[in-house]
Amino acid sequence: MNSKETYSLASTIKLNNGISMPRIHLGVYMTSGNETSKAVTHALEAGYRGFDSAEWYANEREVGSAITSYLSSSANKDIRLRREDIWFTTKLKTNSSYDATRKAIKRSLQRSGLEYLDLYLLHSPYGGREKRRECWRAVEDAIEEGVVRCGGVSNFGVRHVSFPQYSPSCSITLQWIGGILTMILQLQELLDSKPRIVPAVNQIEVHPFNTQEAITSFCHEHNIVIEAYAPLARALRMRHPKIVELSKKYNCEPAQLLVRWSLQKGYVPLPKSVQKGRIVSNAKVEGFEIEEEDMKVLDGLDEHLVTDWDPTDAD
């Protein structure tokens, strides 16, 4: 956690392959058509440089088209942004096979209309161990061919299945579920397979009401950046007394407080909105710093609130 850093839309974070990625991205989950295009355009005008899409969202075309249109527009005449200044993330819908993954990457590239994919993620751990490894091998090959710049995973976490031989070198939090102490890691499983390329990112739901400490600690240990989806907890806790109290203390919006918490934890938040004002406001986090004691207060709000899905315990 680094609370002393100044964060803005211009901030970047270095991944384990040496490539720098924008620190705040616009999420476009459950947006479509013109709504998506407008949101991306508003975000580009506001200074966003990272955009998070997925095959499953069915809006890769709209995101890519909005980016391309903006780069060639009069609005970009003075700024002179180029394709390499923009970060486009998308994800594999289903872990089925090596060939299917290579085809899915090609389709995502065609739909987006972009020259390459900056970050490609396995969207979930579903499919089983061998399918995950097979699909990851396809991502590795795409990276080596230059079609994809960086690879990662999403919703990979601590999977509890049997009584383990505890290794002192693994300092994540053990959990007790149904009376069976277990510690099997989907990410550890992938790392143990000796991949040619280590995942640079694990994108998971994380916010003060679902801190995912076991997963985030493991990723930090292994230099895997956490991307925080639903960093605003889908607005379900904006009126929580502590959120209201601390927002007043720091003279900020509740959404800004949550984005700033994510940044100070070392994560890359993906705040989502289709409204121009909120897209702009969500990223205005450079004017305050959450004190260490208040960070602990926010950490203490954890209730394992899952706002959408949680496949982190998949087989």
Protein backbone atom coordinates (compact mmCIF):
# COMPACT_ATOMS: atom_id res chain seq x y z
CA MET A 1 0.00 0.00 0.00
CA ASN A 2 1.39 3.38 -1.00
CA SER A 3 -0.73 6.27 0.26
CA LYS A 4 1.91 8.94 -0.37
CA GLU A 5 1.63 8.76 -4.15
CA THR A 6 -0.42 11.27 -6.11
CA TYR A 7 -2.93 9.48 -8.30
CA SER A 8 -4.66 10.78 -11.42
CA LEU A 9 -5.77 9.60 -14.84
CA ALA A 10 -2.17 10.14 -15.96
CA SER A 11 -0.83 7.66 -13.37
CA THR A 12 0.52 4.29 -14.51
CA ILE A 13 1.64 1.06 -12.86
CA LYS A 14 4.46 -1.19 -14.07
CA LEU A 15 3.51 -4.83 -14.67
CA ASN A 16 5.77 -7.82 -14.08
CA ASN A 17 6.78 -7.80 -17.77
CA GLY A 18 8.04 -4.21 -17.53
CA ILE A 19 5.11 -2.68 -19.45
CA SER A 20 3.31 0.28 -17.86
CA MET A 21 -0.49 0.28 -17.69
CA PRO A 22 -2.93 3.13 -16.83
CA ARG A 23 -3.85 3.20 -13.15
CA ILE A 24 -7.57 3.90 -13.64
CA HIS A 25 -9.70 2.25 -16.34
CA LEU A 26 -13.29 2.74 -17.43
CA GLY A 27 -15.39 -0.38 -16.96
CA VAL A 28 -18.03 -1.06 -19.62
CA TYR A 29 -19.73 -4.13 -18.15
CA MET A 30 -23.45 -4.31 -19.02
CA THR A 31 -23.32 -1.42 -21.48
CA SER A 32 -24.11 -1.72 -25.16
CA GLY A 33 -24.46 0.09 -28.46
CA ASN A 34 -24.44 3.86 -28.52
CA GLU A 35 -24.38 3.96 -24.73
CA THR A 36 -20.97 2.25 -24.74
CA SER A 37 -19.60 4.45 -27.54
CA LYS A 38 -20.64 7.64 -25.77
CA ALA A 39 -19.22 6.48 -22.42
CA VAL A 40 -15.84 5.69 -23.99
CA THR A 41 -15.79 9.02 -25.82
CA HIS A 42 -16.67 10.93 -22.64
CA ALA A 43 -13.92 9.04 -20.81
CA LEU A 44 -11.32 9.81 -23.47
CA GLU A 45 -12.26 13.48 -23.33
CA ALA A 46 -11.91 13.37 -19.53
CA GLY A 47 -8.43 11.85 -19.75
CA TYR A 48 -9.06 8.13 -19.29
CA ARG A 49 -6.60 5.99 -21.20
CA GLY A 50 -7.65 2.47 -20.09
CA PHE A 51 -10.81 0.60 -21.11
CA ASP A 52 -12.00 -2.78 -19.84
CA SER A 53 -14.20 -4.86 -22.15
CA ALA A 54 -14.82 -8.59 -22.66
CA GLU A 55 -16.12 -11.05 -25.22
CA TRP A 56 -18.95 -11.73 -22.77
CA TYR A 57 -19.96 -8.03 -22.66
CA ALA A 58 -20.59 -8.00 -26.42
CA ASN A 59 -19.27 -4.43 -26.72
CA GLU A 60 -15.70 -4.86 -27.99
CA ARG A 61 -16.74 -3.37 -31.33
CA GLU A 62 -18.23 -0.26 -29.74
CA VAL A 63 -15.24 0.32 -27.46
CA GLY A 64 -12.72 -0.15 -30.26
CA SER A 65 -14.69 1.98 -32.70
CA ALA A 66 -15.04 4.83 -30.18
CA ILE A 67 -11.29 4.73 -29.53
CA THR A 68 -10.44 4.75 -33.25
CA SER A 69 -12.93 7.54 -33.96
CA TYR A 70 -11.57 9.69 -31.17
CA LEU A 71 -7.96 9.26 -32.26
CA SER A 72 -8.82 10.54 -35.74
CA SER A 73 -11.16 13.31 -34.54
CA SER A 74 -10.62 17.06 -34.29
CA ALA A 75 -10.87 16.71 -30.49
CA ASN A 76 -7.54 14.88 -30.60
CA LYS A 77 -5.85 17.44 -32.86
CA ASP A 78 -4.01 19.24 -30.06
CA ILE A 79 -3.60 16.26 -27.69
CA ARG A 80 -2.26 14.01 -30.45
CA LEU A 81 -2.98 10.72 -28.74
CA ARG A 82 -1.88 7.60 -30.64
CA ARG A 83 -3.02 3.99 -30.44
CA GLU A 84 -0.09 3.18 -28.13
CA ASP A 85 -1.37 5.76 -25.62
CA ILE A 86 -4.59 3.78 -25.12
CA TRP A 87 -4.96 0.55 -23.14
CA PHE A 88 -7.63 -1.91 -24.31
CA THR A 89 -8.45 -4.98 -22.24
CA THR A 90 -10.72 -7.83 -23.23
CA LYS A 91 -11.37 -11.34 -21.98
CA LEU A 92 -11.95 -14.92 -23.10
CA LYS A 93 -15.54 -15.97 -22.53
CA THR A 94 -15.06 -19.73 -22.12
CA ASN A 95 -12.05 -21.91 -21.27
CA SER A 96 -12.60 -24.66 -23.82
CA SER A 97 -9.43 -25.38 -25.82
CA TYR A 98 -6.19 -23.99 -27.23
CA ASP A 99 -7.61 -23.60 -30.75
CA ALA A 100 -10.85 -22.01 -29.53
CA THR A 101 -8.85 -19.49 -27.51
CA ARG A 102 -6.66 -18.54 -30.49
CA LYS A 103 -9.81 -18.04 -32.56
CA ALA A 104 -11.44 -15.99 -29.80
CA ILE A 105 -8.40 -13.71 -29.63
CA LYS A 106 -8.55 -13.22 -33.39
CA ARG A 107 -12.28 -12.42 -33.24
CA SER A 108 -11.77 -9.92 -30.42
CA LEU A 109 -9.07 -8.23 -32.45
CA GLN A 110 -11.33 -8.05 -35.50
CA ARG A 111 -14.33 -6.78 -33.54
CA SER A 112 -12.35 -4.07 -31.78
CA GLY A 113 -10.72 -2.95 -35.00
CA LEU A 114 -7.52 -2.27 -33.08
CA GLU A 115 -4.05 -3.34 -34.20
CA TYR A 116 -3.42 -5.42 -31.07
CA LEU A 117 -4.88 -6.20 -27.64
CA ASP A 118 -3.07 -4.59 -24.72
CA LEU A 119 -4.32 -7.06 -22.12
CA TYR A 120 -6.10 -10.38 -22.63
CA LEU A 121 -7.56 -12.23 -19.65
CA LEU A 122 -9.05 -15.65 -19.00
CA HIS A 123 -12.39 -14.36 -17.73
CA SER A 124 -12.90 -17.11 -15.16
CA PRO A 125 -11.34 -20.31 -13.84
CA TYR A 126 -14.27 -22.43 -15.05
CA GLY A 127 -13.45 -25.43 -17.22
CA GLY A 128 -11.03 -27.28 -14.99
CA ARG A 129 -7.28 -27.40 -14.50
CA GLU A 130 -6.27 -28.78 -17.90
CA LYS A 131 -8.51 -26.38 -19.84
CA ARG A 132 -7.09 -23.43 -17.91
CA ARG A 133 -3.54 -24.49 -18.76
CA GLU A 134 -4.42 -25.10 -22.42
CA CYS A 135 -6.08 -21.70 -22.78
CA TRP A 136 -3.22 -19.96 -21.01
CA ARG A 137 -0.78 -21.56 -23.48
CA ALA A 138 -2.81 -19.95 -26.29
CA VAL A 139 -2.50 -16.56 -24.58
CA GLU A 140 1.27 -17.07 -24.23
CA ASP A 141 1.58 -17.82 -27.95
CA ALA A 142 -0.48 -14.74 -28.85
CA ILE A 143 1.83 -12.61 -26.70
CA GLU A 144 4.94 -14.07 -28.32
CA GLU A 145 3.44 -13.35 -31.75
CA GLY A 146 2.73 -9.73 -30.80
CA VAL A 147 -1.05 -9.95 -31.15
CA VAL A 148 -1.43 -9.45 -27.38
CA ARG A 149 0.91 -7.33 -25.25
CA CYS A 150 0.09 -8.72 -21.79
CA GLY A 151 -1.83 -11.67 -20.41
CA GLY A 152 -3.67 -12.25 -17.19
CA VAL A 153 -6.58 -13.93 -15.46
CA SER A 154 -9.84 -12.87 -13.87
CA ASN A 155 -11.69 -14.28 -10.87
CA PHE A 156 -8.84 -16.68 -10.07
CA GLY A 157 -8.53 -17.21 -6.35
CA VAL A 158 -8.10 -19.48 -3.36
CA ARG A 159 -9.86 -22.78 -3.98
CA HIS A 160 -10.67 -24.97 -0.95
CA VAL A 161 -10.89 -28.67 -1.65
CA SER A 162 -8.81 -30.82 0.71
CA PHE A 163 -6.55 -30.86 3.75
CA PRO A 164 -3.16 -29.51 2.58
CA GLN A 165 0.42 -29.96 3.58
CA TYR A 166 0.99 -26.39 4.74
CA SER A 167 4.02 -24.64 3.27
CA PRO A 168 5.43 -21.86 5.48
CA SER A 169 6.60 -20.04 2.36
CA CYS A 170 3.00 -19.35 1.37
CA SER A 171 1.90 -16.58 3.71
CA ILE A 172 -1.70 -16.17 2.62
CA THR A 173 -4.57 -16.42 5.08
CA LEU A 174 -5.89 -19.95 5.58
CA GLN A 175 -9.64 -20.31 5.76
CA TRP A 176 -11.91 -22.81 7.51
CA ILE A 177 -14.85 -23.92 5.39
CA GLY A 178 -17.26 -26.70 6.43
CA GLY A 179 -14.75 -27.80 9.06
CA ILE A 180 -12.12 -28.68 6.44
CA LEU A 181 -8.93 -26.66 6.39
CA THR A 182 -7.80 -26.33 2.81
CA MET A 183 -5.39 -24.29 0.73
CA ILE A 184 -5.35 -25.02 -2.98
CA LEU A 185 -4.72 -22.06 -5.25
CA GLN A 186 -5.90 -21.70 -8.81
CA LEU A 187 -3.14 -19.18 -9.39
CA GLN A 188 -0.59 -21.34 -7.57
CA GLU A 189 -1.72 -24.22 -9.77
CA LEU A 190 -1.01 -22.13 -12.87
CA LEU A 191 2.35 -20.96 -11.53
CA ASP A 192 3.29 -24.54 -10.60
CA SER A 193 2.74 -25.56 -14.24
CA LYS A 194 5.89 -23.51 -15.05
CA PRO A 195 4.27 -21.21 -17.63
CA ARG A 196 6.51 -19.42 -20.12
CA ILE A 197 4.74 -16.19 -19.17
CA VAL A 198 3.46 -15.43 -15.67
CA PRO A 199 0.06 -13.70 -15.54
CA ALA A 200 0.55 -9.95 -15.13
CA VAL A 201 -2.93 -9.28 -13.74
CA ASN A 202 -5.70 -10.92 -11.76
CA GLN A 203 -8.97 -9.02 -12.12
CA ILE A 204 -11.35 -9.65 -9.22
CA GLU A 205 -14.18 -7.93 -7.38
CA VAL A 206 -12.58 -5.97 -4.55
CA HIS A 207 -13.72 -2.98 -2.47
CA PRO A 208 -13.93 -2.23 1.27
CA PHE A 209 -16.98 -4.48 1.59
CA ASN A 210 -15.19 -7.41 -0.07
CA THR A 211 -11.45 -7.06 0.57
CA GLN A 212 -10.44 -10.53 -0.73
CA GLU A 213 -7.34 -10.46 1.46
CA ALA A 214 -6.20 -14.03 0.78
CA ILE A 215 -6.20 -13.50 -2.98
CA THR A 216 -4.80 -9.98 -2.95
CA SER A 217 -1.97 -10.99 -0.59
CA PHE A 218 -1.03 -13.93 -2.78
CA CYS A 219 -0.97 -11.75 -5.90
CA HIS A 220 1.14 -9.11 -4.16
CA GLU A 221 3.63 -11.81 -3.13
CA HIS A 222 3.94 -12.97 -6.73
CA ASN A 223 4.04 -9.52 -8.37
CA ILE A 224 0.64 -9.94 -10.01
CA VAL A 225 -1.30 -6.68 -10.21
CA ILE A 226 -4.86 -6.68 -8.88
CA GLU A 227 -7.46 -5.03 -11.10
CA ALA A 228 -10.50 -4.14 -9.01
CA TYR A 229 -13.80 -4.55 -10.79
CA ALA A 230 -16.94 -3.19 -9.09
CA PRO A 231 -14.69 -0.85 -7.04
CA LEU A 232 -17.80 1.18 -6.16
CA ALA A 233 -19.59 -1.98 -4.91
CA ARG A 234 -22.18 -1.21 -7.61
CA ALA A 235 -23.39 1.71 -5.45
CA LEU A 236 -24.88 -0.71 -2.89
CA ARG A 237 -23.07 0.84 0.08
CA MET A 238 -22.83 4.54 -0.80
CA ARG A 239 -25.01 5.42 2.19
CA HIS A 240 -23.11 3.30 4.67
CA PRO A 241 -22.46 5.48 7.75
CA LYS A 242 -18.67 5.15 7.54
CA ILE A 243 -18.60 5.92 3.81
CA VAL A 244 -20.75 9.00 4.40
CA GLU A 245 -18.63 10.07 7.39
CA LEU A 246 -15.28 9.71 5.62
CA SER A 247 -16.57 11.32 2.41
CA LYS A 248 -17.48 14.38 4.46
CA LYS A 249 -14.11 14.32 6.22
CA TYR A 250 -12.17 14.31 2.93
CA ASN A 251 -14.67 16.56 1.14
CA CYS A 252 -15.15 14.05 -1.65
CA GLU A 253 -17.87 11.94 -3.21
CA PRO A 254 -18.40 8.38 -1.86
CA ALA A 255 -17.33 7.02 -5.27
CA GLN A 256 -14.10 9.05 -5.12
CA LEU A 257 -13.39 7.70 -1.63
CA LEU A 258 -13.78 4.11 -2.87
CA VAL A 259 -11.61 4.67 -5.94
CA ARG A 260 -8.93 6.33 -3.79
CA TRP A 261 -9.04 3.40 -1.32
CA SER A 262 -8.43 1.02 -4.21
CA LEU A 263 -5.48 3.05 -5.49
CA GLN A 264 -3.88 3.34 -2.07
CA LYS A 265 -4.17 -0.44 -1.68
CA GLY A 266 -2.08 -0.76 -4.84
CA TYR A 267 -4.93 -1.90 -7.10
CA VAL A 268 -6.10 -0.74 -10.53
CA PRO A 269 -9.78 0.24 -10.17
CA LEU A 270 -12.27 -0.06 -13.04
CA PRO A 271 -15.08 2.37 -12.09
CA LYS A 272 -18.08 2.05 -14.38
CA SER A 273 -20.55 4.72 -15.44
CA VAL A 274 -22.23 5.83 -18.65
CA GLN A 275 -22.99 9.32 -17.36
CA LYS A 276 -20.48 11.98 -18.40
CA GLY A 277 -20.51 13.79 -15.05
CA ARG A 278 -19.86 10.63 -13.05
CA ILE A 279 -17.20 9.38 -15.45
CA VAL A 280 -15.34 12.65 -14.86
CA SER A 281 -16.03 12.79 -11.11
CA ASN A 282 -15.07 9.17 -10.33
CA ALA A 283 -11.47 9.81 -11.38
CA LYS A 284 -10.95 13.08 -9.49
CA VAL A 285 -8.98 11.55 -6.63
CA GLU A 286 -5.76 13.55 -6.67
CA GLY A 287 -6.93 16.21 -4.19
CA PHE A 288 -6.92 14.12 -1.02
CA GLU A 289 -5.19 11.23 0.71
CA ILE A 290 -6.91 8.75 3.02
CA GLU A 291 -5.09 8.58 6.33
CA GLU A 292 -3.70 5.23 7.47
CA GLU A 293 -6.17 4.88 10.33
CA ASP A 294 -9.08 5.57 8.00
CA MET A 295 -7.74 2.99 5.54
CA LYS A 296 -7.94 0.48 8.40
CA VAL A 297 -11.51 1.58 9.14
CA LEU A 298 -12.44 0.99 5.49
CA ASP A 299 -10.67 -2.38 5.52
CA GLY A 300 -12.78 -3.30 8.55
CA LEU A 301 -16.02 -2.93 6.58
CA ASP A 302 -15.41 -6.27 4.85
CA GLU A 303 -18.57 -8.41 4.73
CA HIS A 304 -17.64 -10.48 1.66
CA LEU A 305 -20.24 -8.59 -0.34
CA VAL A 306 -20.42 -10.22 -3.79
CA THR A 307 -22.28 -7.90 -6.14
CA ASP A 308 -22.32 -10.17 -9.17
CA TRP A 309 -20.56 -13.55 -9.26
CA ASP A 310 -17.73 -15.29 -7.46
CA PRO A 311 -16.13 -18.22 -9.30
CA THR A 312 -12.91 -18.03 -7.26
CA ASP A 313 -13.64 -21.46 -5.72
CA ALA A 314 -14.28 -23.23 -9.04
CA ASP A 315 -12.77 -26.68 -9.58
